[in-house]
């Protein structure tokens, strides 16, 4: 029979999963829409220089839609890394 910590990934990983997921969802909803407009002129310039107007507009819209899941993944990884670093730092301070 396996130990519970081995089944869940071990240690504090099971606790950090929901925190990182909820934080990343909130960030993707509130931060994501404000990030893409800052990058849109650069994206449009790069796409319009390589493709015609119709193709560039479709690709730009596809990149705008894909920025939400990308923001979620990046924020989730960043939160998870920060929480893991904080836990390692706390353990090292104890010993």
PDB file of N, CA and C in Angstrom:
ATOM      1  N   UNK A   1       0.839  -1.174   0.000  1.00  0.00           N
ATOM      2  CA  UNK A   1       0.000   0.000   0.000  1.00  0.00           C
ATOM      3  C   UNK A   1       0.886   1.239   0.000  1.00  0.00           C
ATOM      4  N   UNK A   2       0.510   2.224  -0.844  1.00  0.00           N
ATOM      5  CA  UNK A   2       1.317   3.424  -0.973  1.00  0.00           C
ATOM      6  C   UNK A   2       1.008   4.427   0.125  1.00  0.00           C
ATOM      7  N   UNK A   3       2.021   5.218   0.411  1.00  0.00           N
ATOM      8  CA  UNK A   3       1.862   6.314   1.350  1.00  0.00           C
ATOM      9  C   UNK A   3       1.036   7.418   0.682  1.00  0.00           C
ATOM     10  N   UNK A   4       0.222   8.141   1.454  1.00  0.00           N
ATOM     11  CA  UNK A   4      -0.626   9.201   0.891  1.00  0.00           C
ATOM     12  C   UNK A   4       0.214  10.276   0.206  1.00  0.00           C
ATOM     13  N   UNK A   5       1.358  10.654   0.783  1.00  0.00           N
ATOM     14  CA  UNK A   5       2.180  11.702   0.190  1.00  0.00           C
ATOM     15  C   UNK A   5       2.776  11.255  -1.139  1.00  0.00           C
ATOM     16  N   UNK A   6       2.997   9.963  -1.327  1.00  0.00           N
ATOM     17  CA  UNK A   6       3.503   9.471  -2.604  1.00  0.00           C
ATOM     18  C   UNK A   6       2.416   9.497  -3.666  1.00  0.00           C
ATOM     19  N   UNK A   7       1.188   9.287  -3.274  1.00  0.00           N
ATOM     20  CA  UNK A   7       0.095   9.286  -4.245  1.00  0.00           C
ATOM     21  C   UNK A   7      -0.218  10.697  -4.724  1.00  0.00           C
ATOM     22  N   UNK A   8      -0.071  11.694  -3.879  1.00  0.00           N
ATOM     23  CA  UNK A   8      -0.430  13.067  -4.232  1.00  0.00           C
ATOM     24  C   UNK A   8       0.736  13.884  -4.763  1.00  0.00           C
ATOM     25  N   UNK A   9       1.887  13.330  -4.914  1.00  0.00           N
ATOM     26  CA  UNK A   9       3.024  14.085  -5.396  1.00  0.00           C
ATOM     27  C   UNK A   9       3.980  14.450  -4.290  1.00  0.00           C
ATOM     28  N   UNK A  10       3.579  14.257  -3.057  1.00  0.00           N
ATOM     29  CA  UNK A  10       4.486  14.442  -1.932  1.00  0.00           C
ATOM     30  C   UNK A  10       4.555  15.868  -1.423  1.00  0.00           C
ATOM     31  N   UNK A  11       4.812  15.970  -0.151  1.00  0.00           N
ATOM     32  CA  UNK A  11       5.077  17.260   0.480  1.00  0.00           C
ATOM     33  C   UNK A  11       3.941  18.246   0.361  1.00  0.00           C
ATOM     34  N   UNK A  12       4.295  19.505   0.127  1.00  0.00           N
ATOM     35  CA  UNK A  12       3.304  20.575   0.044  1.00  0.00           C
ATOM     36  C   UNK A  12       2.764  20.770  -1.365  1.00  0.00           C
ATOM     37  N   UNK A  13       3.166  19.927  -2.300  1.00  0.00           N
ATOM     38  CA  UNK A  13       2.702  20.036  -3.682  1.00  0.00           C
ATOM     39  C   UNK A  13       1.172  19.983  -3.753  1.00  0.00           C
ATOM     40  N   UNK A  14       0.562  19.130  -2.957  1.00  0.00           N
ATOM     41  CA  UNK A  14      -0.891  18.999  -2.972  1.00  0.00           C
ATOM     42  C   UNK A  14      -1.575  20.278  -2.484  1.00  0.00           C
ATOM     43  N   UNK A  15      -0.950  20.986  -1.577  1.00  0.00           N
ATOM     44  CA  UNK A  15      -1.542  22.232  -1.082  1.00  0.00           C
ATOM     45  C   UNK A  15      -1.328  23.378  -2.053  1.00  0.00           C
ATOM     46  N   UNK A  16      -0.193  23.395  -2.750  1.00  0.00           N
ATOM     47  CA  UNK A  16       0.113  24.512  -3.650  1.00  0.00           C
ATOM     48  C   UNK A  16      -0.651  24.433  -4.955  1.00  0.00           C
ATOM     49  N   UNK A  17      -1.085  23.251  -5.357  1.00  0.00           N
ATOM     50  CA  UNK A  17      -1.822  23.114  -6.610  1.00  0.00           C
ATOM     51  C   UNK A  17      -3.063  23.987  -6.669  1.00  0.00           C
ATOM     52  N   UNK A  18      -3.979  23.886  -5.703  1.00  0.00           N
ATOM     53  CA  UNK A  18      -5.186  24.715  -5.760  1.00  0.00           C
ATOM     54  C   UNK A  18      -4.902  26.216  -5.623  1.00  0.00           C
ATOM     55  N   UNK A  19      -3.939  26.583  -4.806  1.00  0.00           N
ATOM     56  CA  UNK A  19      -3.606  28.004  -4.637  1.00  0.00           C
ATOM     57  C   UNK A  19      -3.101  28.577  -5.957  1.00  0.00           C
ATOM     58  N   UNK A  20      -2.201  27.849  -6.609  1.00  0.00           N
ATOM     59  CA  UNK A  20      -1.653  28.318  -7.881  1.00  0.00           C
ATOM     60  C   UNK A  20      -2.734  28.352  -8.957  1.00  0.00           C
ATOM     61  N   UNK A  21      -3.614  27.370  -8.973  1.00  0.00           N
ATOM     62  CA  UNK A  21      -4.663  27.320  -9.984  1.00  0.00           C
ATOM     63  C   UNK A  21      -5.649  28.468  -9.819  1.00  0.00           C
ATOM     64  N   UNK A  22      -6.103  28.706  -8.606  1.00  0.00           N
ATOM     65  CA  UNK A  22      -7.070  29.788  -8.369  1.00  0.00           C
ATOM     66  C   UNK A  22      -6.425  31.150  -8.612  1.00  0.00           C
ATOM     67  N   UNK A  23      -5.196  31.320  -8.175  1.00  0.00           N
ATOM     68  CA  UNK A  23      -4.497  32.579  -8.428  1.00  0.00           C
ATOM     69  C   UNK A  23      -4.267  32.831  -9.907  1.00  0.00           C
ATOM     70  N   UNK A  24      -3.917  31.788 -10.643  1.00  0.00           N
ATOM     71  CA  UNK A  24      -3.687  31.948 -12.078  1.00  0.00           C
ATOM     72  C   UNK A  24      -4.988  32.218 -12.829  1.00  0.00           C
ATOM     73  N   UNK A  25      -6.073  31.594 -12.404  1.00  0.00           N
ATOM     74  CA  UNK A  25      -7.359  31.887 -13.038  1.00  0.00           C
ATOM     75  C   UNK A  25      -7.756  33.346 -12.826  1.00  0.00           C
ATOM     76  N   UNK A  26      -7.588  33.827 -11.600  1.00  0.00           N
ATOM     77  CA  UNK A  26      -7.885  35.228 -11.332  1.00  0.00           C
ATOM     78  C   UNK A  26      -6.996  36.167 -12.128  1.00  0.00           C
ATOM     79  N   UNK A  27      -5.732  35.827 -12.214  1.00  0.00           N
ATOM     80  CA  UNK A  27      -4.810  36.653 -12.993  1.00  0.00           C
ATOM     81  C   UNK A  27      -5.123  36.632 -14.472  1.00  0.00           C
ATOM     82  N   UNK A  28      -5.496  35.459 -14.998  1.00  0.00           N
ATOM     83  CA  UNK A  28      -5.819  35.370 -16.417  1.00  0.00           C
ATOM     84  C   UNK A  28      -7.071  36.171 -16.754  1.00  0.00           C
ATOM     85  N   UNK A  29      -7.999  36.238 -15.816  1.00  0.00           N
ATOM     86  CA  UNK A  29      -9.231  36.991 -16.056  1.00  0.00           C
ATOM     87  C   UNK A  29      -8.990  38.495 -15.931  1.00  0.00           C
ATOM     88  N   UNK A  30      -8.199  38.909 -14.922  1.00  0.00           N
ATOM     89  CA  UNK A  30      -8.039  40.336 -14.667  1.00  0.00           C
ATOM     90  C   UNK A  30      -6.780  40.940 -15.281  1.00  0.00           C
ATOM     91  N   UNK A  31      -5.726  40.151 -15.461  1.00  0.00           N
ATOM     92  CA  UNK A  31      -4.469  40.677 -16.003  1.00  0.00           C
ATOM     93  C   UNK A  31      -4.375  40.441 -17.506  1.00  0.00           C
ATOM     94  N   UNK A  32      -4.858  39.309 -17.969  1.00  0.00           N
ATOM     95  CA  UNK A  32      -4.755  38.954 -19.387  1.00  0.00           C
ATOM     96  C   UNK A  32      -5.308  39.991 -20.346  1.00  0.00           C
ATOM     97  N   UNK A  33      -6.525  40.479 -20.135  1.00  0.00           N
ATOM     98  CA  UNK A  33      -7.068  41.460 -21.074  1.00  0.00           C
ATOM     99  C   UNK A  33      -6.285  42.772 -21.133  1.00  0.00           C
ATOM    100  N   UNK A  34      -5.591  43.126 -20.085  1.00  0.00           N
ATOM    101  CA  UNK A  34      -4.831  44.372 -20.117  1.00  0.00           C
ATOM    102  C   UNK A  34      -3.434  44.185 -20.708  1.00  0.00           C
ATOM    103  N   UNK A  35      -2.973  42.955 -20.816  1.00  0.00           N
ATOM    104  CA  UNK A  35      -1.634  42.714 -21.349  1.00  0.00           C
ATOM    105  C   UNK A  35      -1.609  42.715 -22.876  1.00  0.00           C
ATOM    106  N   UNK A  36      -2.613  42.119 -23.515  1.00  0.00           N
ATOM    107  CA  UNK A  36      -2.573  41.995 -24.971  1.00  0.00           C
ATOM    108  C   UNK A  36      -2.629  43.344 -25.692  1.00  0.00           C
ATOM    109  N   UNK A  37      -3.437  44.316 -25.278  1.00  0.00           N
ATOM    110  CA  UNK A  37      -3.444  45.599 -25.993  1.00  0.00           C
ATOM    111  C   UNK A  37      -2.074  46.282 -26.025  1.00  0.00           C
ATOM    112  N   UNK A  38      -1.249  46.032 -25.030  1.00  0.00           N
ATOM    113  CA  UNK A  38       0.092  46.619 -25.052  1.00  0.00           C
ATOM    114  C   UNK A  38       0.965  45.974 -26.125  1.00  0.00           C
ATOM    115  N   UNK A  39       0.719  44.710 -26.409  1.00  0.00           N
ATOM    116  CA  UNK A  39       1.506  43.994 -27.407  1.00  0.00           C
ATOM    117  C   UNK A  39       0.878  43.988 -28.794  1.00  0.00           C
ATOM    118  N   UNK A  40      -0.361  44.408 -28.894  1.00  0.00           N
ATOM    119  CA  UNK A  40      -1.089  44.319 -30.165  1.00  0.00           C
ATOM    120  C   UNK A  40      -0.421  45.082 -31.315  1.00  0.00           C
ATOM    121  N   UNK A  41       0.091  46.300 -31.120  1.00  0.00           N
ATOM    122  CA  UNK A  41       0.758  46.972 -32.249  1.00  0.00           C
ATOM    123  C   UNK A  41       1.971  46.198 -32.766  1.00  0.00           C
ATOM    124  N   UNK A  42       2.736  45.608 -31.868  1.00  0.00           N
ATOM    125  CA  UNK A  42       3.888  44.823 -32.300  1.00  0.00           C
ATOM    126  C   UNK A  42       3.457  43.574 -33.065  1.00  0.00           C
ATOM    127  N   UNK A  43       2.418  42.911 -32.563  1.00  0.00           N
ATOM    128  CA  UNK A  43       1.908  41.712 -33.225  1.00  0.00           C
ATOM    129  C   UNK A  43       1.346  42.071 -34.594  1.00  0.00           C
ATOM    130  N   UNK A  44       0.568  43.154 -34.651  1.00  0.00           N
ATOM    131  CA  UNK A  44      -0.037  43.554 -35.922  1.00  0.00           C
ATOM    132  C   UNK A  44       1.029  43.927 -36.941  1.00  0.00           C
ATOM    133  N   UNK A  45       2.041  44.631 -36.531  1.00  0.00           N
ATOM    134  CA  UNK A  45       3.117  45.011 -37.449  1.00  0.00           C
ATOM    135  C   UNK A  45       3.842  43.781 -37.992  1.00  0.00           C
ATOM    136  N   UNK A  46       4.129  42.834 -37.110  1.00  0.00           N
ATOM    137  CA  UNK A  46       4.823  41.614 -37.543  1.00  0.00           C
ATOM    138  C   UNK A  46       3.954  40.786 -38.492  1.00  0.00           C
ATOM    139  N   UNK A  47       2.660  40.691 -38.198  1.00  0.00           N
ATOM    140  CA  UNK A  47       1.783  39.894 -39.055  1.00  0.00           C
ATOM    141  C   UNK A  47       1.466  40.583 -40.372  1.00  0.00           C
ATOM    142  N   UNK A  48       1.224  41.880 -40.340  1.00  0.00           N
ATOM    143  CA  UNK A  48       0.855  42.581 -41.572  1.00  0.00           C
ATOM    144  C   UNK A  48       2.025  42.721 -42.532  1.00  0.00           C
ATOM    145  N   UNK A  49       3.239  42.636 -42.021  1.00  0.00           N
ATOM    146  CA  UNK A  49       4.388  42.702 -42.930  1.00  0.00           C
ATOM    147  C   UNK A  49       4.615  41.370 -43.651  1.00  0.00           C
ATOM    148  N   UNK A  50       4.059  40.278 -43.117  1.00  0.00           N
ATOM    149  CA  UNK A  50       4.261  38.967 -43.734  1.00  0.00           C
ATOM    150  C   UNK A  50       3.035  38.442 -44.474  1.00  0.00           C
ATOM    151  N   UNK A  51       1.832  38.883 -44.087  1.00  0.00           N
ATOM    152  CA  UNK A  51       0.600  38.340 -44.656  1.00  0.00           C
ATOM    153  C   UNK A  51      -0.289  39.460 -45.171  1.00  0.00           C
ATOM    154  N   UNK A  52      -1.281  39.099 -45.998  1.00  0.00           N
ATOM    155  CA  UNK A  52      -2.241  40.093 -46.448  1.00  0.00           C
ATOM    156  C   UNK A  52      -3.161  40.477 -45.287  1.00  0.00           C
ATOM    157  N   UNK A  53      -3.999  41.479 -45.506  1.00  0.00           N
ATOM    158  CA  UNK A  53      -4.805  42.038 -44.421  1.00  0.00           C
ATOM    159  C   UNK A  53      -5.738  41.002 -43.805  1.00  0.00           C
ATOM    160  N   UNK A  54      -6.438  40.220 -44.646  1.00  0.00           N
ATOM    161  CA  UNK A  54      -7.418  39.265 -44.121  1.00  0.00           C
ATOM    162  C   UNK A  54      -6.752  38.185 -43.273  1.00  0.00           C
ATOM    163  N   UNK A  55      -5.655  37.629 -43.758  1.00  0.00           N
ATOM    164  CA  UNK A  55      -4.951  36.590 -43.006  1.00  0.00           C
ATOM    165  C   UNK A  55      -4.352  37.161 -41.724  1.00  0.00           C
ATOM    166  N   UNK A  56      -3.778  38.359 -41.821  1.00  0.00           N
ATOM    167  CA  UNK A  56      -3.190  38.983 -40.633  1.00  0.00           C
ATOM    168  C   UNK A  56      -4.245  39.280 -39.577  1.00  0.00           C
ATOM    169  N   UNK A  57      -5.434  39.692 -39.987  1.00  0.00           N
ATOM    170  CA  UNK A  57      -6.482  39.980 -39.000  1.00  0.00           C
ATOM    171  C   UNK A  57      -6.963  38.697 -38.327  1.00  0.00           C
ATOM    172  N   UNK A  58      -7.095  37.603 -39.066  1.00  0.00           N
ATOM    173  CA  UNK A  58      -7.481  36.327 -38.460  1.00  0.00           C
ATOM    174  C   UNK A  58      -6.407  35.822 -37.504  1.00  0.00           C
ATOM    175  N   UNK A  59      -5.146  35.921 -37.912  1.00  0.00           N
ATOM    176  CA  UNK A  59      -4.056  35.481 -37.045  1.00  0.00           C
ATOM    177  C   UNK A  59      -3.954  36.345 -35.792  1.00  0.00           C
ATOM    178  N   UNK A  60      -4.188  37.640 -35.942  1.00  0.00           N
ATOM    179  CA  UNK A  60      -4.159  38.530 -34.785  1.00  0.00           C
ATOM    180  C   UNK A  60      -5.271  38.177 -33.796  1.00  0.00           C
ATOM    181  N   UNK A  61      -6.460  37.887 -34.307  1.00  0.00           N
ATOM    182  CA  UNK A  61      -7.575  37.493 -33.435  1.00  0.00           C
ATOM    183  C   UNK A  61      -7.271  36.156 -32.751  1.00  0.00           C
ATOM    184  N   UNK A  62      -6.665  35.225 -33.476  1.00  0.00           N
ATOM    185  CA  UNK A  62      -6.298  33.929 -32.886  1.00  0.00           C
ATOM    186  C   UNK A  62      -5.247  34.109 -31.791  1.00  0.00           C
ATOM    187  N   UNK A  63      -4.303  34.996 -32.005  1.00  0.00           N
ATOM    188  CA  UNK A  63      -3.288  35.248 -30.979  1.00  0.00           C
ATOM    189  C   UNK A  63      -3.899  35.929 -29.762  1.00  0.00           C
ATOM    190  N   UNK A  64      -4.882  36.797 -29.982  1.00  0.00           N
ATOM    191  CA  UNK A  64      -5.557  37.446 -28.858  1.00  0.00           C
ATOM    192  C   UNK A  64      -6.314  36.415 -28.025  1.00  0.00           C
ATOM    193  N   UNK A  65      -6.982  35.484 -28.677  1.00  0.00           N
ATOM    194  CA  UNK A  65      -7.712  34.442 -27.949  1.00  0.00           C
ATOM    195  C   UNK A  65      -6.742  33.522 -27.221  1.00  0.00           C
ATOM    196  N   UNK A  66      -5.633  33.197 -27.841  1.00  0.00           N
ATOM    197  CA  UNK A  66      -4.671  32.281 -27.206  1.00  0.00           C
ATOM    198  C   UNK A  66      -3.867  32.955 -26.105  1.00  0.00           C
ATOM    199  N   UNK A  67      -3.943  34.266 -25.985  1.00  0.00           N
ATOM    200  CA  UNK A  67      -3.204  34.944 -24.916  1.00  0.00           C
ATOM    201  C   UNK A  67      -3.800  34.639 -23.535  1.00  0.00           C
ATOM    202  N   UNK A  68      -5.086  34.306 -23.473  1.00  0.00           N
ATOM    203  CA  UNK A  68      -5.698  33.972 -22.187  1.00  0.00           C
ATOM    204  C   UNK A  68      -5.167  32.666 -21.606  1.00  0.00           C
ATOM    205  N   UNK A  69      -5.164  31.559 -22.366  1.00  0.00           N
ATOM    206  CA  UNK A  69      -4.571  30.343 -21.788  1.00  0.00           C
ATOM    207  C   UNK A  69      -3.075  30.474 -21.533  1.00  0.00           C
ATOM    208  N   UNK A  70      -2.388  31.216 -22.380  1.00  0.00           N
ATOM    209  CA  UNK A  70      -0.950  31.417 -22.163  1.00  0.00           C
ATOM    210  C   UNK A  70      -0.704  32.198 -20.876  1.00  0.00           C
ATOM    211  N   UNK A  71      -1.520  33.219 -20.626  1.00  0.00           N
ATOM    212  CA  UNK A  71      -1.404  33.983 -19.383  1.00  0.00           C
ATOM    213  C   UNK A  71      -1.673  33.089 -18.181  1.00  0.00           C
ATOM    214  N   UNK A  72      -2.677  32.227 -18.292  1.00  0.00           N
ATOM    215  CA  UNK A  72      -3.001  31.314 -17.198  1.00  0.00           C
ATOM    216  C   UNK A  72      -1.819  30.392 -16.891  1.00  0.00           C
ATOM    217  N   UNK A  73      -1.252  29.781 -17.916  1.00  0.00           N
ATOM    218  CA  UNK A  73      -0.150  28.833 -17.706  1.00  0.00           C
ATOM    219  C   UNK A  73       1.066  29.533 -17.113  1.00  0.00           C
ATOM    220  N   UNK A  74       1.403  30.693 -17.642  1.00  0.00           N
ATOM    221  CA  UNK A  74       2.576  31.420 -17.150  1.00  0.00           C
ATOM    222  C   UNK A  74       2.372  31.861 -15.702  1.00  0.00           C
ATOM    223  N   UNK A  75       1.198  32.390 -15.383  1.00  0.00           N
ATOM    224  CA  UNK A  75       0.930  32.809 -14.008  1.00  0.00           C
ATOM    225  C   UNK A  75       0.898  31.627 -13.054  1.00  0.00           C
ATOM    226  N   UNK A  76       0.326  30.511 -13.470  1.00  0.00           N
ATOM    227  CA  UNK A  76       0.273  29.332 -12.602  1.00  0.00           C
ATOM    228  C   UNK A  76       1.680  28.826 -12.299  1.00  0.00           C
ATOM    229  N   UNK A  77       2.522  28.764 -13.316  1.00  0.00           N
ATOM    230  CA  UNK A  77       3.895  28.330 -13.089  1.00  0.00           C
ATOM    231  C   UNK A  77       4.654  29.305 -12.196  1.00  0.00           C
ATOM    232  N   UNK A  78       4.427  30.595 -12.376  1.00  0.00           N
ATOM    233  CA  UNK A  78       5.112  31.589 -11.548  1.00  0.00           C
ATOM    234  C   UNK A  78       4.670  31.503 -10.091  1.00  0.00           C
ATOM    235  N   UNK A  79       3.362  31.355  -9.867  1.00  0.00           N
ATOM    236  CA  UNK A  79       2.860  31.238  -8.488  1.00  0.00           C
ATOM    237  C   UNK A  79       3.375  29.964  -7.847  1.00  0.00           C
ATOM    238  N   UNK A  80       3.340  28.868  -8.587  1.00  0.00           N
ATOM    239  CA  UNK A  80       3.822  27.602  -8.053  1.00  0.00           C
ATOM    240  C   UNK A  80       5.311  27.676  -7.718  1.00  0.00           C
ATOM    241  N   UNK A  81       6.088  28.311  -8.590  1.00  0.00           N
ATOM    242  CA  UNK A  81       7.527  28.461  -8.328  1.00  0.00           C
ATOM    243  C   UNK A  81       7.772  29.343  -7.106  1.00  0.00           C
ATOM    244  N   UNK A  82       6.995  30.408  -6.969  1.00  0.00           N
ATOM    245  CA  UNK A  82       7.161  31.291  -5.811  1.00  0.00           C
ATOM    246  C   UNK A  82       6.807  30.575  -4.515  1.00  0.00           C
ATOM    247  N   UNK A  83       5.726  29.806  -4.522  1.00  0.00           N
ATOM    248  CA  UNK A  83       5.344  29.075  -3.321  1.00  0.00           C
ATOM    249  C   UNK A  83       6.355  27.991  -2.974  1.00  0.00           C
ATOM    250  N   UNK A  84       6.868  27.309  -3.968  1.00  0.00           N
ATOM    251  CA  UNK A  84       7.889  26.291  -3.722  1.00  0.00           C
ATOM    252  C   UNK A  84       9.158  26.926  -3.168  1.00  0.00           C
ATOM    253  N   UNK A  85       9.562  28.059  -3.728  1.00  0.00           N
ATOM    254  CA  UNK A  85      10.750  28.759  -3.246  1.00  0.00           C
ATOM    255  C   UNK A  85      10.560  29.228  -1.810  1.00  0.00           C
ATOM    256  N   UNK A  86       9.370  29.739  -1.498  1.00  0.00           N
ATOM    257  CA  UNK A  86       9.099  30.188  -0.131  1.00  0.00           C
ATOM    258  C   UNK A  86       9.132  29.024   0.851  1.00  0.00           C
ATOM    259  N   UNK A  87       8.612  27.880   0.451  1.00  0.00           N
ATOM    260  CA  UNK A  87       8.632  26.734   1.357  1.00  0.00           C
ATOM    261  C   UNK A  87      10.053  26.210   1.553  1.00  0.00           C
ATOM    262  N   UNK A  88      10.840  26.185   0.505  1.00  0.00           N
ATOM    263  CA  UNK A  88      12.239  25.753   0.638  1.00  0.00           C
ATOM    264  C   UNK A  88      13.008  26.734   1.511  1.00  0.00           C
ATOM    265  N   UNK A  89      12.771  28.018   1.321  1.00  0.00           N
ATOM    266  CA  UNK A  89      13.440  29.035   2.129  1.00  0.00           C
ATOM    267  C   UNK A  89      13.060  28.886   3.606  1.00  0.00           C
ATOM    268  N   UNK A  90      11.774  28.631   3.863  1.00  0.00           N
ATOM    269  CA  UNK A  90      11.313  28.478   5.247  1.00  0.00           C
ATOM    270  C   UNK A  90      11.931  27.239   5.891  1.00  0.00           C
ATOM    271  N   UNK A  91      12.019  26.159   5.149  1.00  0.00           N
ATOM    272  CA  UNK A  91      12.619  24.940   5.698  1.00  0.00           C
ATOM    273  C   UNK A  91      14.099  25.147   5.965  1.00  0.00           C
ATOM    274  N   UNK A  92      14.774  25.842   5.068  1.00  0.00           N
ATOM    275  CA  UNK A  92      16.205  26.084   5.272  1.00  0.00           C
ATOM    276  C   UNK A  92      16.449  27.000   6.461  1.00  0.00           C
ATOM    277  N   UNK A  93      15.535  27.920   6.723  1.00  0.00           N
ATOM    278  CA  UNK A  93      15.694  28.808   7.876  1.00  0.00           C
ATOM    279  C   UNK A  93      15.475  28.060   9.184  1.00  0.00           C
ATOM    280  N   UNK A  94      14.661  26.999   9.144  1.00  0.00           N
ATOM    281  CA  UNK A  94      14.404  26.230  10.359  1.00  0.00           C
ATOM    282  C   UNK A  94      15.595  25.349  10.748  1.00  0.00           C
ATOM    283  N   UNK A  95      16.377  24.937   9.778  1.00  0.00           N
ATOM    284  CA  UNK A  95      17.486  24.014  10.080  1.00  0.00           C
ATOM    285  C   UNK A  95      18.819  24.643   9.884  1.00  0.00           C
TER     286      UNK A  95
END
